[in-house]
Amino acid sequence: MLASDLLGRTVRDRDGNVLGRVADLLAETDEAGRQRIVRVLVAPRRRGRLLGFERPGYQPPWVLEKLTRVLHRGTREVAWEDVDWSFATS
C-alpha cells in the first residue's frame, strides 16, 4: 500500500465514528531500521496543506502559530491500530 492511497481518505474509529481525513502518516524506526507507520494525523475538515506547525514540539513565529491553530483546529494524532481502515473512503 502506498501513502498516497491513504492521504485524504475519510477514516473511522473501531466503533464506526468518523475521525476525519488522513492528513499525514507518522512513522518510527523499528529495531531492524525499517520505517513503520505508528500514528495517523487526522484533520476534521479539508483546509489545504499542513505546514508542520501543527506538530508538538515545534515553535513557529507567533503569527503563523495563530493562523495554523485556527485553520487546523481539531487536527490530532490517532494510533494506527485505533483506525478502522475498512471504512476508509475517498
PDB file of N, CA and C in Angstrom:
ATOM      1  N   MET A   1       0.842  -1.172   0.000  1.00  0.00           N
ATOM      2  CA  MET A   1       0.000   0.000   0.000  1.00  0.00           C
ATOM      3  C   MET A   1       0.892   1.241   0.000  1.00  0.00           C
ATOM      4  N   LEU A   2       0.528   2.218  -0.768  1.00  0.00           N
ATOM      5  CA  LEU A   2       1.263   3.481  -0.843  1.00  0.00           C
ATOM      6  C   LEU A   2       0.640   4.516   0.085  1.00  0.00           C
ATOM      7  N   ALA A   3       1.467   5.425   0.576  1.00  0.00           N
ATOM      8  CA  ALA A   3       0.960   6.508   1.429  1.00  0.00           C
ATOM      9  C   ALA A   3      -0.098   7.314   0.678  1.00  0.00           C
ATOM     10  N   SER A   4       0.097   7.504  -0.607  1.00  0.00           N
ATOM     11  CA  SER A   4      -0.868   8.282  -1.395  1.00  0.00           C
ATOM     12  C   SER A   4      -2.239   7.619  -1.448  1.00  0.00           C
ATOM     13  N   ASP A   5      -2.290   6.299  -1.203  1.00  0.00           N
ATOM     14  CA  ASP A   5      -3.583   5.599  -1.154  1.00  0.00           C
ATOM     15  C   ASP A   5      -4.364   5.974   0.099  1.00  0.00           C
ATOM     16  N   LEU A   6      -3.677   6.436   1.149  1.00  0.00           N
ATOM     17  CA  LEU A   6      -4.317   6.728   2.430  1.00  0.00           C
ATOM     18  C   LEU A   6      -4.568   8.221   2.653  1.00  0.00           C
ATOM     19  N   LEU A   7      -3.684   9.069   2.141  1.00  0.00           N
ATOM     20  CA  LEU A   7      -3.824  10.515   2.370  1.00  0.00           C
ATOM     21  C   LEU A   7      -5.120  11.036   1.758  1.00  0.00           C
ATOM     22  N   GLY A   8      -5.851  11.807   2.547  1.00  0.00           N
ATOM     23  CA  GLY A   8      -7.111  12.378   2.086  1.00  0.00           C
ATOM     24  C   GLY A   8      -8.322  11.493   2.314  1.00  0.00           C
ATOM     25  N   ARG A   9      -8.099  10.253   2.721  1.00  0.00           N
ATOM     26  CA  ARG A   9      -9.217   9.345   2.978  1.00  0.00           C
ATOM     27  C   ARG A   9      -9.933   9.697   4.266  1.00  0.00           C
ATOM     28  N   THR A  10     -11.251   9.530   4.268  1.00  0.00           N
ATOM     29  CA  THR A  10     -12.035   9.684   5.489  1.00  0.00           C
ATOM     30  C   THR A  10     -11.942   8.368   6.244  1.00  0.00           C
ATOM     31  N   VAL A  11     -11.595   8.447   7.531  1.00  0.00           N
ATOM     32  CA  VAL A  11     -11.437   7.234   8.330  1.00  0.00           C
ATOM     33  C   VAL A  11     -12.335   7.276   9.559  1.00  0.00           C
ATOM     34  N   ARG A  12     -12.572   6.092  10.110  1.00  0.00           N
ATOM     35  CA  ARG A  12     -13.415   5.927  11.291  1.00  0.00           C
ATOM     36  C   ARG A  12     -12.637   5.196  12.372  1.00  0.00           C
ATOM     37  N   ASP A  13     -13.119   5.341  13.602  1.00  0.00           N
ATOM     38  CA  ASP A  13     -12.524   4.574  14.700  1.00  0.00           C
ATOM     39  C   ASP A  13     -13.146   3.185  14.722  1.00  0.00           C
ATOM     40  N   ARG A  14     -12.736   2.364  15.662  1.00  0.00           N
ATOM     41  CA  ARG A  14     -13.214   0.977  15.738  1.00  0.00           C
ATOM     42  C   ARG A  14     -14.713   0.874  16.024  1.00  0.00           C
ATOM     43  N   ASP A  15     -15.313   1.946  16.559  1.00  0.00           N
ATOM     44  CA  ASP A  15     -16.752   1.960  16.839  1.00  0.00           C
ATOM     45  C   ASP A  15     -17.564   2.486  15.664  1.00  0.00           C
ATOM     46  N   GLY A  16     -16.895   2.877  14.577  1.00  0.00           N
ATOM     47  CA  GLY A  16     -17.583   3.382  13.399  1.00  0.00           C
ATOM     48  C   GLY A  16     -17.779   4.884  13.367  1.00  0.00           C
ATOM     49  N   ASN A  17     -17.247   5.610  14.354  1.00  0.00           N
ATOM     50  CA  ASN A  17     -17.364   7.067  14.387  1.00  0.00           C
ATOM     51  C   ASN A  17     -16.345   7.701  13.446  1.00  0.00           C
ATOM     52  N   VAL A  18     -16.788   8.688  12.678  1.00  0.00           N
ATOM     53  CA  VAL A  18     -15.886   9.366  11.744  1.00  0.00           C
ATOM     54  C   VAL A  18     -14.840  10.155  12.532  1.00  0.00           C
ATOM     55  N   LEU A  19     -13.566   9.921  12.205  1.00  0.00           N
ATOM     56  CA  LEU A  19     -12.470  10.657  12.830  1.00  0.00           C
ATOM     57  C   LEU A  19     -12.111  11.893  12.025  1.00  0.00           C
ATOM     58  N   GLY A  20     -12.209  11.805  10.715  1.00  0.00           N
ATOM     59  CA  GLY A  20     -11.837  12.905   9.829  1.00  0.00           C
ATOM     60  C   GLY A  20     -11.060  12.357   8.643  1.00  0.00           C
ATOM     61  N   ARG A  21     -10.279  13.237   8.014  1.00  0.00           N
ATOM     62  CA  ARG A  21      -9.488  12.856   6.845  1.00  0.00           C
ATOM     63  C   ARG A  21      -8.021  12.690   7.228  1.00  0.00           C
ATOM     64  N   VAL A  22      -7.370  11.722   6.619  1.00  0.00           N
ATOM     65  CA  VAL A  22      -5.950  11.484   6.869  1.00  0.00           C
ATOM     66  C   VAL A  22      -5.159  12.622   6.243  1.00  0.00           C
ATOM     67  N   ALA A  23      -4.427  13.357   7.084  1.00  0.00           N
ATOM     68  CA  ALA A  23      -3.621  14.480   6.618  1.00  0.00           C
ATOM     69  C   ALA A  23      -2.150  14.102   6.494  1.00  0.00           C
ATOM     70  N   ASP A  24      -1.705  13.139   7.311  1.00  0.00           N
ATOM     71  CA  ASP A  24      -0.298  12.745   7.294  1.00  0.00           C
ATOM     72  C   ASP A  24      -0.144  11.401   7.996  1.00  0.00           C
ATOM     73  N   LEU A  25       0.945  10.738   7.722  1.00  0.00           N
ATOM     74  CA  LEU A  25       1.279   9.476   8.355  1.00  0.00           C
ATOM     75  C   LEU A  25       2.561   9.678   9.146  1.00  0.00           C
ATOM     76  N   LEU A  26       2.591   9.191  10.374  1.00  0.00           N
ATOM     77  CA  LEU A  26       3.741   9.385  11.250  1.00  0.00           C
ATOM     78  C   LEU A  26       4.414   8.047  11.487  1.00  0.00           C
ATOM     79  N   ALA A  27       5.697   7.975  11.166  1.00  0.00           N
ATOM     80  CA  ALA A  27       6.428   6.716  11.244  1.00  0.00           C
ATOM     81  C   ALA A  27       7.521   6.772  12.297  1.00  0.00           C
ATOM     82  N   GLU A  28       7.912   5.585  12.755  1.00  0.00           N
ATOM     83  CA  GLU A  28       9.050   5.432  13.661  1.00  0.00           C
ATOM     84  C   GLU A  28       9.923   4.322  13.092  1.00  0.00           C
ATOM     85  N   THR A  29      11.189   4.354  13.452  1.00  0.00           N
ATOM     86  CA  THR A  29      12.115   3.325  13.005  1.00  0.00           C
ATOM     87  C   THR A  29      12.108   2.174  14.006  1.00  0.00           C
ATOM     88  N   ASP A  30      11.950   0.938  13.507  1.00  0.00           N
ATOM     89  CA  ASP A  30      11.955  -0.224  14.401  1.00  0.00           C
ATOM     90  C   ASP A  30      13.392  -0.706  14.630  1.00  0.00           C
ATOM     91  N   GLU A  31      13.547  -1.803  15.368  1.00  0.00           N
ATOM     92  CA  GLU A  31      14.866  -2.329  15.726  1.00  0.00           C
ATOM     93  C   GLU A  31      15.687  -2.718  14.501  1.00  0.00           C
ATOM     94  N   ALA A  32      15.018  -3.132  13.442  1.00  0.00           N
ATOM     95  CA  ALA A  32      15.698  -3.570  12.220  1.00  0.00           C
ATOM     96  C   ALA A  32      16.042  -2.396  11.301  1.00  0.00           C
ATOM     97  N   GLY A  33      15.694  -1.174  11.720  1.00  0.00           N
ATOM     98  CA  GLY A  33      15.991   0.001  10.913  1.00  0.00           C
ATOM     99  C   GLY A  33      14.952   0.311   9.854  1.00  0.00           C
ATOM    100  N   ARG A  34      13.799  -0.355   9.910  1.00  0.00           N
ATOM    101  CA  ARG A  34      12.730  -0.101   8.939  1.00  0.00           C
ATOM    102  C   ARG A  34      11.755   0.927   9.492  1.00  0.00           C
ATOM    103  N   GLN A  35      11.204   1.719   8.601  1.00  0.00           N
ATOM    104  CA  GLN A  35      10.181   2.687   8.974  1.00  0.00           C
ATOM    105  C   GLN A  35       8.833   1.973   9.058  1.00  0.00           C
ATOM    106  N   ARG A  36       8.096   2.257  10.125  1.00  0.00           N
ATOM    107  CA  ARG A  36       6.782   1.644  10.331  1.00  0.00           C
ATOM    108  C   ARG A  36       5.810   2.740  10.738  1.00  0.00           C
ATOM    109  N   ILE A  37       4.653   2.792  10.098  1.00  0.00           N
ATOM    110  CA  ILE A  37       3.648   3.803  10.444  1.00  0.00           C
ATOM    111  C   ILE A  37       3.037   3.423  11.777  1.00  0.00           C
ATOM    112  N   VAL A  38       3.055   4.377  12.719  1.00  0.00           N
ATOM    113  CA  VAL A  38       2.530   4.112  14.056  1.00  0.00           C
ATOM    114  C   VAL A  38       1.353   5.018  14.413  1.00  0.00           C
ATOM    115  N   ARG A  39       1.264   6.186  13.774  1.00  0.00           N
ATOM    116  CA  ARG A  39       0.175   7.113  14.044  1.00  0.00           C
ATOM    117  C   ARG A  39      -0.269   7.781  12.748  1.00  0.00           C
ATOM    118  N   VAL A  40      -1.486   8.270  12.790  1.00  0.00           N
ATOM    119  CA  VAL A  40      -2.078   8.960  11.654  1.00  0.00           C
ATOM    120  C   VAL A  40      -2.486  10.350  12.121  1.00  0.00           C
ATOM    121  N   LEU A  41      -2.152  11.363  11.361  1.00  0.00           N
ATOM    122  CA  LEU A  41      -2.596  12.717  11.662  1.00  0.00           C
ATOM    123  C   LEU A  41      -3.929  12.915  10.955  1.00  0.00           C
ATOM    124  N   VAL A  42      -4.988  13.139  11.738  1.00  0.00           N
ATOM    125  CA  VAL A  42      -6.349  13.221  11.210  1.00  0.00           C
ATOM    126  C   VAL A  42      -6.875  14.641  11.377  1.00  0.00           C
ATOM    127  N   ALA A  43      -7.392  15.190  10.291  1.00  0.00           N
ATOM    128  CA  ALA A  43      -7.966  16.539  10.307  1.00  0.00           C
ATOM    129  C   ALA A  43      -9.484  16.431  10.155  1.00  0.00           C
ATOM    130  N   PRO A  44     -10.236  17.228  10.917  1.00  0.00           N
ATOM    131  CA  PRO A  44     -11.698  17.138  10.849  1.00  0.00           C
ATOM    132  C   PRO A  44     -12.287  17.670   9.538  1.00  0.00           C
ATOM    133  N   ARG A  45     -11.534  18.455   8.824  1.00  0.00           N
ATOM    134  CA  ARG A  45     -12.013  19.011   7.549  1.00  0.00           C
ATOM    135  C   ARG A  45     -10.809  19.249   6.645  1.00  0.00           C
ATOM    136  N   ARG A  46     -11.079  19.482   5.407  1.00  0.00           N
ATOM    137  CA  ARG A  46     -10.004  19.724   4.445  1.00  0.00           C
ATOM    138  C   ARG A  46      -9.708  21.226   4.415  1.00  0.00           C
ATOM    139  N   ARG A  47      -8.480  21.585   4.757  1.00  0.00           N
ATOM    140  CA  ARG A  47      -8.113  23.001   4.817  1.00  0.00           C
ATOM    141  C   ARG A  47      -6.769  23.269   4.166  1.00  0.00           C
ATOM    142  N   GLY A  48      -6.493  22.678   3.047  1.00  0.00           N
ATOM    143  CA  GLY A  48      -5.227  22.932   2.377  1.00  0.00           C
ATOM    144  C   GLY A  48      -4.094  22.152   3.004  1.00  0.00           C
ATOM    145  N   ARG A  49      -2.895  22.561   2.730  1.00  0.00           N
ATOM    146  CA  ARG A  49      -1.696  21.852   3.164  1.00  0.00           C
ATOM    147  C   ARG A  49      -1.347  22.135   4.622  1.00  0.00           C
ATOM    148  N   LEU A  50      -0.811  21.118   5.274  1.00  0.00           N
ATOM    149  CA  LEU A  50      -0.246  21.304   6.608  1.00  0.00           C
ATOM    150  C   LEU A  50       1.177  21.817   6.417  1.00  0.00           C
ATOM    151  N   LEU A  51       1.612  22.701   7.266  1.00  0.00           N
ATOM    152  CA  LEU A  51       2.947  23.281   7.140  1.00  0.00           C
ATOM    153  C   LEU A  51       3.927  22.712   8.154  1.00  0.00           C
ATOM    154  N   GLY A  52       3.481  21.792   8.986  1.00  0.00           N
ATOM    155  CA  GLY A  52       4.351  21.226  10.007  1.00  0.00           C
ATOM    156  C   GLY A  52       4.248  21.946  11.335  1.00  0.00           C
ATOM    157  N   PHE A  53       3.555  23.084  11.379  1.00  0.00           N
ATOM    158  CA  PHE A  53       3.443  23.864  12.612  1.00  0.00           C
ATOM    159  C   PHE A  53       2.446  23.262  13.588  1.00  0.00           C
ATOM    160  N   GLU A  54       1.622  22.314  13.122  1.00  0.00           N
ATOM    161  CA  GLU A  54       0.622  21.697  13.994  1.00  0.00           C
ATOM    162  C   GLU A  54       1.227  20.593  14.855  1.00  0.00           C
ATOM    163  N   ARG A  55       2.472  20.242  14.597  1.00  0.00           N
ATOM    164  CA  ARG A  55       3.123  19.159  15.345  1.00  0.00           C
ATOM    165  C   ARG A  55       3.639  19.654  16.692  1.00  0.00           C
ATOM    166  N   PRO A  56       3.538  18.801  17.707  1.00  0.00           N
ATOM    167  CA  PRO A  56       4.046  19.194  19.025  1.00  0.00           C
ATOM    168  C   PRO A  56       5.557  19.360  19.009  1.00  0.00           C
ATOM    169  N   GLY A  57       6.050  20.298  19.820  1.00  0.00           N
ATOM    170  CA  GLY A  57       7.480  20.497  19.952  1.00  0.00           C
ATOM    171  C   GLY A  57       8.086  21.471  18.957  1.00  0.00           C
ATOM    172  N   TYR A  58       7.298  21.997  18.036  1.00  0.00           N
ATOM    173  CA  TYR A  58       7.824  22.947  17.054  1.00  0.00           C
ATOM    174  C   TYR A  58       7.277  24.331  17.370  1.00  0.00           C
ATOM    175  N   GLN A  59       8.132  25.330  17.442  1.00  0.00           N
ATOM    176  CA  GLN A  59       7.709  26.690  17.780  1.00  0.00           C
ATOM    177  C   GLN A  59       7.832  27.596  16.556  1.00  0.00           C
ATOM    178  N   PRO A  60       6.727  27.816  15.833  1.00  0.00           N
ATOM    179  CA  PRO A  60       6.767  28.713  14.669  1.00  0.00           C
ATOM    180  C   PRO A  60       6.676  30.169  15.119  1.00  0.00           C
ATOM    181  N   PRO A  61       6.891  31.100  14.201  1.00  0.00           N
ATOM    182  CA  PRO A  61       6.642  32.511  14.525  1.00  0.00           C
ATOM    183  C   PRO A  61       5.199  32.666  15.007  1.00  0.00           C
ATOM    184  N   TRP A  62       4.949  33.561  15.940  1.00  0.00           N
ATOM    185  CA  TRP A  62       3.643  33.657  16.591  1.00  0.00           C
ATOM    186  C   TRP A  62       2.492  33.881  15.622  1.00  0.00           C
ATOM    187  N   VAL A  63       2.708  34.659  14.559  1.00  0.00           N
ATOM    188  CA  VAL A  63       1.626  34.912  13.598  1.00  0.00           C
ATOM    189  C   VAL A  63       1.231  33.607  12.903  1.00  0.00           C
ATOM    190  N   LEU A  64       2.212  32.826  12.490  1.00  0.00           N
ATOM    191  CA  LEU A  64       1.913  31.554  11.840  1.00  0.00           C
ATOM    192  C   LEU A  64       1.291  30.562  12.813  1.00  0.00           C
ATOM    193  N   GLU A  65       1.708  30.625  14.064  1.00  0.00           N
ATOM    194  CA  GLU A  65       1.135  29.736  15.080  1.00  0.00           C
ATOM    195  C   GLU A  65      -0.358  30.013  15.249  1.00  0.00           C
ATOM    196  N   LYS A  66      -0.734  31.273  15.340  1.00  0.00           N
ATOM    197  CA  LYS A  66      -2.153  31.642  15.493  1.00  0.00           C
ATOM    198  C   LYS A  66      -2.961  31.224  14.266  1.00  0.00           C
ATOM    199  N   LEU A  67      -2.420  31.495  13.092  1.00  0.00           N
ATOM    200  CA  LEU A  67      -3.108  31.143  11.856  1.00  0.00           C
ATOM    201  C   LEU A  67      -3.272  29.629  11.734  1.00  0.00           C
ATOM    202  N   THR A  68      -2.226  28.890  12.047  1.00  0.00           N
ATOM    203  CA  THR A  68      -2.276  27.431  11.972  1.00  0.00           C
ATOM    204  C   THR A  68      -3.289  26.865  12.953  1.00  0.00           C
ATOM    205  N   ARG A  69      -3.345  27.414  14.148  1.00  0.00           N
ATOM    206  CA  ARG A  69      -4.324  26.932  15.143  1.00  0.00           C
ATOM    207  C   ARG A  69      -5.754  27.111  14.661  1.00  0.00           C
ATOM    208  N   VAL A  70      -6.022  28.214  14.004  1.00  0.00           N
ATOM    209  CA  VAL A  70      -7.372  28.464  13.501  1.00  0.00           C
ATOM    210  C   VAL A  70      -7.693  27.541  12.326  1.00  0.00           C
ATOM    211  N   LEU A  71      -6.778  27.462  11.373  1.00  0.00           N
ATOM    212  CA  LEU A  71      -7.038  26.666  10.177  1.00  0.00           C
ATOM    213  C   LEU A  71      -7.080  25.165  10.442  1.00  0.00           C
ATOM    214  N   HIS A  72      -6.275  24.701  11.401  1.00  0.00           N
ATOM    215  CA  HIS A  72      -6.161  23.268  11.627  1.00  0.00           C
ATOM    216  C   HIS A  72      -6.650  22.831  13.000  1.00  0.00           C
ATOM    217  N   ARG A  73      -7.559  23.600  13.594  1.00  0.00           N
ATOM    218  CA  ARG A  73      -8.074  23.183  14.900  1.00  0.00           C
ATOM    219  C   ARG A  73      -8.800  21.852  14.761  1.00  0.00           C
ATOM    220  N   GLY A  74      -8.617  21.028  15.757  1.00  0.00           N
ATOM    221  CA  GLY A  74      -9.224  19.705  15.727  1.00  0.00           C
ATOM    222  C   GLY A  74      -8.347  18.638  15.105  1.00  0.00           C
ATOM    223  N   THR A  75      -7.214  19.032  14.516  1.00  0.00           N
ATOM    224  CA  THR A  75      -6.290  18.051  13.948  1.00  0.00           C
ATOM    225  C   THR A  75      -5.617  17.325  15.095  1.00  0.00           C
ATOM    226  N   ARG A  76      -5.576  15.993  14.998  1.00  0.00           N
ATOM    227  CA  ARG A  76      -4.994  15.223  16.103  1.00  0.00           C
ATOM    228  C   ARG A  76      -4.324  13.959  15.585  1.00  0.00           C
ATOM    229  N   GLU A  77      -3.478  13.396  16.426  1.00  0.00           N
ATOM    230  CA  GLU A  77      -2.817  12.143  16.111  1.00  0.00           C
ATOM    231  C   GLU A  77      -3.656  10.985  16.649  1.00  0.00           C
ATOM    232  N   VAL A  78      -3.791   9.948  15.837  1.00  0.00           N
ATOM    233  CA  VAL A  78      -4.533   8.753  16.225  1.00  0.00           C
ATOM    234  C   VAL A  78      -3.616   7.558  15.983  1.00  0.00           C
ATOM    235  N   ALA A  79      -3.555   6.652  16.947  1.00  0.00           N
ATOM    236  CA  ALA A  79      -2.730   5.452  16.792  1.00  0.00           C
ATOM    237  C   ALA A  79      -3.227   4.637  15.599  1.00  0.00           C
ATOM    238  N   TRP A  80      -2.291   4.084  14.848  1.00  0.00           N
ATOM    239  CA  TRP A  80      -2.613   3.290  13.662  1.00  0.00           C
ATOM    240  C   TRP A  80      -3.637   2.203  13.978  1.00  0.00           C
ATOM    241  N   GLU A  81      -3.446   1.522  15.098  1.00  0.00           N
ATOM    242  CA  GLU A  81      -4.337   0.407  15.440  1.00  0.00           C
ATOM    243  C   GLU A  81      -5.728   0.859  15.881  1.00  0.00           C
ATOM    244  N   ASP A  82      -5.923   2.150  16.146  1.00  0.00           N
ATOM    245  CA  ASP A  82      -7.227   2.670  16.543  1.00  0.00           C
ATOM    246  C   ASP A  82      -8.093   3.080  15.351  1.00  0.00           C
ATOM    247  N   VAL A  83      -7.544   2.979  14.146  1.00  0.00           N
ATOM    248  CA  VAL A  83      -8.270   3.351  12.930  1.00  0.00           C
ATOM    249  C   VAL A  83      -8.808   2.086  12.270  1.00  0.00           C
ATOM    250  N   ASP A  84     -10.082   2.118  11.904  1.00  0.00           N
ATOM    251  CA  ASP A  84     -10.682   1.011  11.162  1.00  0.00           C
ATOM    252  C   ASP A  84     -10.567   1.345   9.681  1.00  0.00           C
ATOM    253  N   TRP A  85      -9.579   0.770   9.034  1.00  0.00           N
ATOM    254  CA  TRP A  85      -9.273   1.097   7.633  1.00  0.00           C
ATOM    255  C   TRP A  85     -10.303   0.516   6.661  1.00  0.00           C
ATOM    256  N   SER A  86     -11.143  -0.392   7.100  1.00  0.00           N
ATOM    257  CA  SER A  86     -12.139  -0.965   6.195  1.00  0.00           C
ATOM    258  C   SER A  86     -13.172   0.074   5.787  1.00  0.00           C
ATOM    259  N   PHE A  87     -13.310   1.153   6.579  1.00  0.00           N
ATOM    260  CA  PHE A  87     -14.257   2.223   6.269  1.00  0.00           C
ATOM    261  C   PHE A  87     -13.643   3.349   5.442  1.00  0.00           C
ATOM    262  N   ALA A  88     -12.327   3.299   5.205  1.00  0.00           N
ATOM    263  CA  ALA A  88     -11.638   4.413   4.524  1.00  0.00           C
ATOM    264  C   ALA A  88     -12.233   4.663   3.152  1.00  0.00           C
ATOM    265  N   THR A  89     -12.649   5.923   2.926  1.00  0.00           N
ATOM    266  CA  THR A  89     -13.244   6.315   1.649  1.00  0.00           C
ATOM    267  C   THR A  89     -12.557   7.562   1.123  1.00  0.00           C
ATOM    268  N   SER A  90     -12.701   7.805  -0.150  1.00  0.00           N
ATOM    269  CA  SER A  90     -12.086   8.989  -0.773  1.00  0.00           C
ATOM    270  C   SER A  90     -12.817  10.251  -0.418  1.00  0.00           C
TER     271      SER A  90
END
